[in-house]
Amino acid sequence: MAKKKKDLWWYIKKEYGLSAMKRKFTKETGIPTTQAGLERKIGKSILSWIFGSNKKSDNDDE
């Protein structure tokens, strides 16, 4: 069986560590770098804004 040829983007990502940089950026900022992640985050923000947050704040104990 022949080896699968790797494409140019694979080499660029590997050489410059783009995947590691994206993971580090995401971990530090909390902003997803994938399209699906961004859509989930934006959708959650919009729903929280419309229906209010489900999290209790520290001042609700009174």
PDB file of N, CA and C in Angstrom:
ATOM      1  N   MET A   1       0.837  -1.177   0.000  1.00  0.00           N
ATOM      2  CA  MET A   1       0.000   0.000   0.000  1.00  0.00           C
ATOM      3  C   MET A   1       0.887   1.247   0.000  1.00  0.00           C
ATOM      4  N   ALA A   2       0.571   2.203  -0.822  1.00  0.00           N
ATOM      5  CA  ALA A   2       1.383   3.408  -0.958  1.00  0.00           C
ATOM      6  C   ALA A   2       1.100   4.369   0.191  1.00  0.00           C
ATOM      7  N   LYS A   3       2.129   5.146   0.542  1.00  0.00           N
ATOM      8  CA  LYS A   3       1.957   6.149   1.586  1.00  0.00           C
ATOM      9  C   LYS A   3       1.075   7.279   1.074  1.00  0.00           C
ATOM     10  N   LYS A   4       0.305   7.837   1.973  1.00  0.00           N
ATOM     11  CA  LYS A   4      -0.539   8.970   1.610  1.00  0.00           C
ATOM     12  C   LYS A   4       0.331  10.223   1.554  1.00  0.00           C
ATOM     13  N   LYS A   5       0.235  10.966   0.488  1.00  0.00           N
ATOM     14  CA  LYS A   5       1.030  12.176   0.316  1.00  0.00           C
ATOM     15  C   LYS A   5       0.460  13.287   1.193  1.00  0.00           C
ATOM     16  N   LYS A   6       1.324  13.924   1.948  1.00  0.00           N
ATOM     17  CA  LYS A   6       0.902  15.032   2.809  1.00  0.00           C
ATOM     18  C   LYS A   6       0.865  16.306   1.975  1.00  0.00           C
ATOM     19  N   ASP A   7      -0.084  17.152   2.265  1.00  0.00           N
ATOM     20  CA  ASP A   7      -0.214  18.370   1.474  1.00  0.00           C
ATOM     21  C   ASP A   7       0.686  19.486   2.014  1.00  0.00           C
ATOM     22  N   LEU A   8       0.745  20.562   1.288  1.00  0.00           N
ATOM     23  CA  LEU A   8       1.620  21.681   1.621  1.00  0.00           C
ATOM     24  C   LEU A   8       1.256  22.305   2.961  1.00  0.00           C
ATOM     25  N   TRP A   9      -0.040  22.434   3.262  1.00  0.00           N
ATOM     26  CA  TRP A   9      -0.453  23.051   4.522  1.00  0.00           C
ATOM     27  C   TRP A   9      -0.006  22.233   5.714  1.00  0.00           C
ATOM     28  N   TRP A  10       0.046  20.922   5.580  1.00  0.00           N
ATOM     29  CA  TRP A  10       0.514  20.077   6.672  1.00  0.00           C
ATOM     30  C   TRP A  10       1.957  20.431   7.012  1.00  0.00           C
ATOM     31  N   TYR A  11       2.787  20.598   5.997  1.00  0.00           N
ATOM     32  CA  TYR A  11       4.187  20.945   6.226  1.00  0.00           C
ATOM     33  C   TYR A  11       4.331  22.335   6.835  1.00  0.00           C
ATOM     34  N   ILE A  12       3.550  23.283   6.373  1.00  0.00           N
ATOM     35  CA  ILE A  12       3.620  24.645   6.909  1.00  0.00           C
ATOM     36  C   ILE A  12       3.215  24.658   8.380  1.00  0.00           C
ATOM     37  N   LYS A  13       2.115  23.987   8.702  1.00  0.00           N
ATOM     38  CA  LYS A  13       1.659  23.930  10.091  1.00  0.00           C
ATOM     39  C   LYS A  13       2.696  23.263  10.982  1.00  0.00           C
ATOM     40  N   LYS A  14       3.275  22.182  10.494  1.00  0.00           N
ATOM     41  CA  LYS A  14       4.268  21.438  11.258  1.00  0.00           C
ATOM     42  C   LYS A  14       5.532  22.279  11.463  1.00  0.00           C
ATOM     43  N   GLU A  15       5.986  22.944  10.426  1.00  0.00           N
ATOM     44  CA  GLU A  15       7.228  23.716  10.472  1.00  0.00           C
ATOM     45  C   GLU A  15       7.119  24.908  11.426  1.00  0.00           C
ATOM     46  N   TYR A  16       6.031  25.627  11.364  1.00  0.00           N
ATOM     47  CA  TYR A  16       5.886  26.854  12.147  1.00  0.00           C
ATOM     48  C   TYR A  16       5.087  26.680  13.426  1.00  0.00           C
ATOM     49  N   GLY A  17       4.575  25.491  13.683  1.00  0.00           N
ATOM     50  CA  GLY A  17       3.851  25.243  14.919  1.00  0.00           C
ATOM     51  C   GLY A  17       2.544  26.000  15.010  1.00  0.00           C
ATOM     52  N   LEU A  18       1.822  26.130  13.900  1.00  0.00           N
ATOM     53  CA  LEU A  18       0.578  26.905  13.900  1.00  0.00           C
ATOM     54  C   LEU A  18      -0.490  26.287  14.789  1.00  0.00           C
ATOM     55  N   SER A  19      -0.578  24.965  14.808  1.00  0.00           N
ATOM     56  CA  SER A  19      -1.593  24.318  15.639  1.00  0.00           C
ATOM     57  C   SER A  19      -1.340  24.582  17.114  1.00  0.00           C
ATOM     58  N   ALA A  20      -0.081  24.527  17.512  1.00  0.00           N
ATOM     59  CA  ALA A  20       0.267  24.792  18.911  1.00  0.00           C
ATOM     60  C   ALA A  20      -0.022  26.250  19.271  1.00  0.00           C
ATOM     61  N   MET A  21       0.257  27.164  18.336  1.00  0.00           N
ATOM     62  CA  MET A  21      -0.023  28.578  18.596  1.00  0.00           C
ATOM     63  C   MET A  21      -1.523  28.813  18.741  1.00  0.00           C
ATOM     64  N   LYS A  22      -2.326  28.151  17.894  1.00  0.00           N
ATOM     65  CA  LYS A  22      -3.781  28.303  17.991  1.00  0.00           C
ATOM     66  C   LYS A  22      -4.295  27.771  19.321  1.00  0.00           C
ATOM     67  N   ARG A  23      -3.787  26.596  19.750  1.00  0.00           N
ATOM     68  CA  ARG A  23      -4.206  26.027  21.032  1.00  0.00           C
ATOM     69  C   ARG A  23      -3.830  26.944  22.184  1.00  0.00           C
ATOM     70  N   LYS A  24      -2.625  27.497  22.153  1.00  0.00           N
ATOM     71  CA  LYS A  24      -2.163  28.390  23.219  1.00  0.00           C
ATOM     72  C   LYS A  24      -3.028  29.647  23.270  1.00  0.00           C
ATOM     73  N   PHE A  25      -3.319  30.232  22.104  1.00  0.00           N
ATOM     74  CA  PHE A  25      -4.164  31.421  22.031  1.00  0.00           C
ATOM     75  C   PHE A  25      -5.549  31.139  22.604  1.00  0.00           C
ATOM     76  N   THR A  26      -6.134  30.005  22.209  1.00  0.00           N
ATOM     77  CA  THR A  26      -7.465  29.639  22.682  1.00  0.00           C
ATOM     78  C   THR A  26      -7.482  29.432  24.186  1.00  0.00           C
ATOM     79  N   LYS A  27      -6.469  28.771  24.696  1.00  0.00           N
ATOM     80  CA  LYS A  27      -6.412  28.483  26.128  1.00  0.00           C
ATOM     81  C   LYS A  27      -6.257  29.759  26.948  1.00  0.00           C
ATOM     82  N   GLU A  28      -5.440  30.704  26.466  1.00  0.00           N
ATOM     83  CA  GLU A  28      -5.196  31.936  27.215  1.00  0.00           C
ATOM     84  C   GLU A  28      -6.356  32.929  27.135  1.00  0.00           C
ATOM     85  N   THR A  29      -7.011  33.017  25.988  1.00  0.00           N
ATOM     86  CA  THR A  29      -8.052  34.031  25.805  1.00  0.00           C
ATOM     87  C   THR A  29      -9.470  33.499  25.994  1.00  0.00           C
ATOM     88  N   GLY A  30      -9.662  32.197  25.791  1.00  0.00           N
ATOM     89  CA  GLY A  30     -11.003  31.639  25.876  1.00  0.00           C
ATOM     90  C   GLY A  30     -11.806  31.842  24.604  1.00  0.00           C
ATOM     91  N   ILE A  31     -11.163  32.321  23.542  1.00  0.00           N
ATOM     92  CA  ILE A  31     -11.826  32.536  22.262  1.00  0.00           C
ATOM     93  C   ILE A  31     -11.521  31.351  21.354  1.00  0.00           C
ATOM     94  N   PRO A  32     -12.524  30.602  20.918  1.00  0.00           N
ATOM     95  CA  PRO A  32     -12.272  29.455  20.046  1.00  0.00           C
ATOM     96  C   PRO A  32     -11.750  29.892  18.679  1.00  0.00           C
ATOM     97  N   THR A  33     -10.941  29.033  18.071  1.00  0.00           N
ATOM     98  CA  THR A  33     -10.379  29.359  16.762  1.00  0.00           C
ATOM     99  C   THR A  33     -11.038  28.571  15.639  1.00  0.00           C
ATOM    100  N   THR A  34     -11.979  27.709  15.948  1.00  0.00           N
ATOM    101  CA  THR A  34     -12.679  26.964  14.909  1.00  0.00           C
ATOM    102  C   THR A  34     -14.017  27.639  14.624  1.00  0.00           C
ATOM    103  N   GLN A  35     -14.547  27.407  13.437  1.00  0.00           N
ATOM    104  CA  GLN A  35     -15.824  28.006  13.068  1.00  0.00           C
ATOM    105  C   GLN A  35     -16.937  27.489  13.974  1.00  0.00           C
ATOM    106  N   ALA A  36     -16.952  26.191  14.238  1.00  0.00           N
ATOM    107  CA  ALA A  36     -18.000  25.617  15.089  1.00  0.00           C
ATOM    108  C   ALA A  36     -17.903  26.167  16.511  1.00  0.00           C
ATOM    109  N   GLY A  37     -16.692  26.319  17.011  1.00  0.00           N
ATOM    110  CA  GLY A  37     -16.503  26.857  18.357  1.00  0.00           C
ATOM    111  C   GLY A  37     -16.982  28.297  18.463  1.00  0.00           C
ATOM    112  N   LEU A  38     -16.671  29.090  17.457  1.00  0.00           N
ATOM    113  CA  LEU A  38     -17.140  30.477  17.456  1.00  0.00           C
ATOM    114  C   LEU A  38     -18.657  30.548  17.404  1.00  0.00           C
ATOM    115  N   GLU A  39     -19.274  29.701  16.570  1.00  0.00           N
ATOM    116  CA  GLU A  39     -20.736  29.703  16.465  1.00  0.00           C
ATOM    117  C   GLU A  39     -21.377  29.312  17.796  1.00  0.00           C
ATOM    118  N   ARG A  40     -20.822  28.317  18.484  1.00  0.00           N
ATOM    119  CA  ARG A  40     -21.352  27.918  19.792  1.00  0.00           C
ATOM    120  C   ARG A  40     -21.224  29.048  20.799  1.00  0.00           C
ATOM    121  N   LYS A  41     -20.063  29.694  20.829  1.00  0.00           N
ATOM    122  CA  LYS A  41     -19.829  30.765  21.800  1.00  0.00           C
ATOM    123  C   LYS A  41     -20.741  31.958  21.543  1.00  0.00           C
ATOM    124  N   ILE A  42     -20.885  32.341  20.283  1.00  0.00           N
ATOM    125  CA  ILE A  42     -21.755  33.467  19.941  1.00  0.00           C
ATOM    126  C   ILE A  42     -23.207  33.125  20.230  1.00  0.00           C
ATOM    127  N   GLY A  43     -23.635  31.924  19.871  1.00  0.00           N
ATOM    128  CA  GLY A  43     -25.013  31.503  20.134  1.00  0.00           C
ATOM    129  C   GLY A  43     -25.324  31.480  21.622  1.00  0.00           C
ATOM    130  N   LYS A  44     -24.378  30.991  22.421  1.00  0.00           N
ATOM    131  CA  LYS A  44     -24.569  30.949  23.872  1.00  0.00           C
ATOM    132  C   LYS A  44     -24.672  32.354  24.443  1.00  0.00           C
ATOM    133  N   SER A  45     -23.847  33.261  23.925  1.00  0.00           N
ATOM    134  CA  SER A  45     -23.878  34.645  24.393  1.00  0.00           C
ATOM    135  C   SER A  45     -25.206  35.311  24.073  1.00  0.00           C
ATOM    136  N   ILE A  46     -25.702  35.080  22.863  1.00  0.00           N
ATOM    137  CA  ILE A  46     -26.973  35.681  22.457  1.00  0.00           C
ATOM    138  C   ILE A  46     -28.117  35.135  23.297  1.00  0.00           C
ATOM    139  N   LEU A  47     -28.141  33.810  23.510  1.00  0.00           N
ATOM    140  CA  LEU A  47     -29.208  33.225  24.319  1.00  0.00           C
ATOM    141  C   LEU A  47     -29.136  33.696  25.772  1.00  0.00           C
ATOM    142  N   SER A  48     -27.925  33.841  26.302  1.00  0.00           N
ATOM    143  CA  SER A  48     -27.774  34.353  27.666  1.00  0.00           C
ATOM    144  C   SER A  48     -28.277  35.782  27.762  1.00  0.00           C
ATOM    145  N   TRP A  49     -28.017  36.559  26.732  1.00  0.00           N
ATOM    146  CA  TRP A  49     -28.453  37.949  26.723  1.00  0.00           C
ATOM    147  C   TRP A  49     -29.980  38.036  26.640  1.00  0.00           C
ATOM    148  N   ILE A  50     -30.601  37.174  25.840  1.00  0.00           N
ATOM    149  CA  ILE A  50     -32.052  37.207  25.663  1.00  0.00           C
ATOM    150  C   ILE A  50     -32.765  36.692  26.902  1.00  0.00           C
ATOM    151  N   PHE A  51     -32.350  35.531  27.395  1.00  0.00           N
ATOM    152  CA  PHE A  51     -33.067  34.883  28.491  1.00  0.00           C
ATOM    153  C   PHE A  51     -32.460  35.144  29.860  1.00  0.00           C
ATOM    154  N   GLY A  52     -31.353  35.808  29.922  1.00  0.00           N
ATOM    155  CA  GLY A  52     -30.691  36.068  31.192  1.00  0.00           C
ATOM    156  C   GLY A  52     -29.757  34.927  31.539  1.00  0.00           C
ATOM    157  N   SER A  53     -28.829  35.228  32.363  1.00  0.00           N
ATOM    158  CA  SER A  53     -27.818  34.243  32.745  1.00  0.00           C
ATOM    159  C   SER A  53     -28.388  33.268  33.763  1.00  0.00           C
ATOM    160  N   ASN A  54     -27.956  32.019  33.691  1.00  0.00           N
ATOM    161  CA  ASN A  54     -28.383  31.009  34.646  1.00  0.00           C
ATOM    162  C   ASN A  54     -27.484  30.953  35.869  1.00  0.00           C
ATOM    163  N   LYS A  55     -26.357  31.641  35.831  1.00  0.00           N
ATOM    164  CA  LYS A  55     -25.412  31.622  36.939  1.00  0.00           C
ATOM    165  C   LYS A  55     -25.899  32.541  38.045  1.00  0.00           C
ATOM    166  N   LYS A  56     -25.749  32.084  39.283  1.00  0.00           N
ATOM    167  CA  LYS A  56     -26.102  32.931  40.420  1.00  0.00           C
ATOM    168  C   LYS A  56     -24.919  33.810  40.767  1.00  0.00           C
ATOM    169  N   SER A  57     -25.165  35.054  41.049  1.00  0.00           N
ATOM    170  CA  SER A  57     -24.081  35.923  41.479  1.00  0.00           C
ATOM    171  C   SER A  57     -23.921  35.802  42.994  1.00  0.00           C
ATOM    172  N   ASP A  58     -22.831  36.332  43.509  1.00  0.00           N
ATOM    173  CA  ASP A  58     -22.549  36.243  44.930  1.00  0.00           C
ATOM    174  C   ASP A  58     -23.531  37.069  45.758  1.00  0.00           C
ATOM    175  N   ASN A  59     -24.172  38.055  45.169  1.00  0.00           N
ATOM    176  CA  ASN A  59     -25.090  38.935  45.912  1.00  0.00           C
ATOM    177  C   ASN A  59     -26.489  38.350  46.033  1.00  0.00           C
ATOM    178  N   ASP A  60     -26.775  37.208  45.390  1.00  0.00           N
ATOM    179  CA  ASP A  60     -28.105  36.605  45.443  1.00  0.00           C
ATOM    180  C   ASP A  60     -28.392  35.898  46.754  1.00  0.00           C
ATOM    181  N   ASP A  61     -27.401  35.740  47.627  1.00  0.00           N
ATOM    182  CA  ASP A  61     -27.586  35.015  48.870  1.00  0.00           C
ATOM    183  C   ASP A  61     -28.420  35.781  49.876  1.00  0.00           C
ATOM    184  N   GLU A  62     -28.549  37.096  49.727  1.00  0.00           N
ATOM    185  CA  GLU A  62     -29.259  37.914  50.707  1.00  0.00           C
ATOM    186  C   GLU A  62     -30.751  37.807  50.611  1.00  0.00           C
TER     187      GLU A  62
END
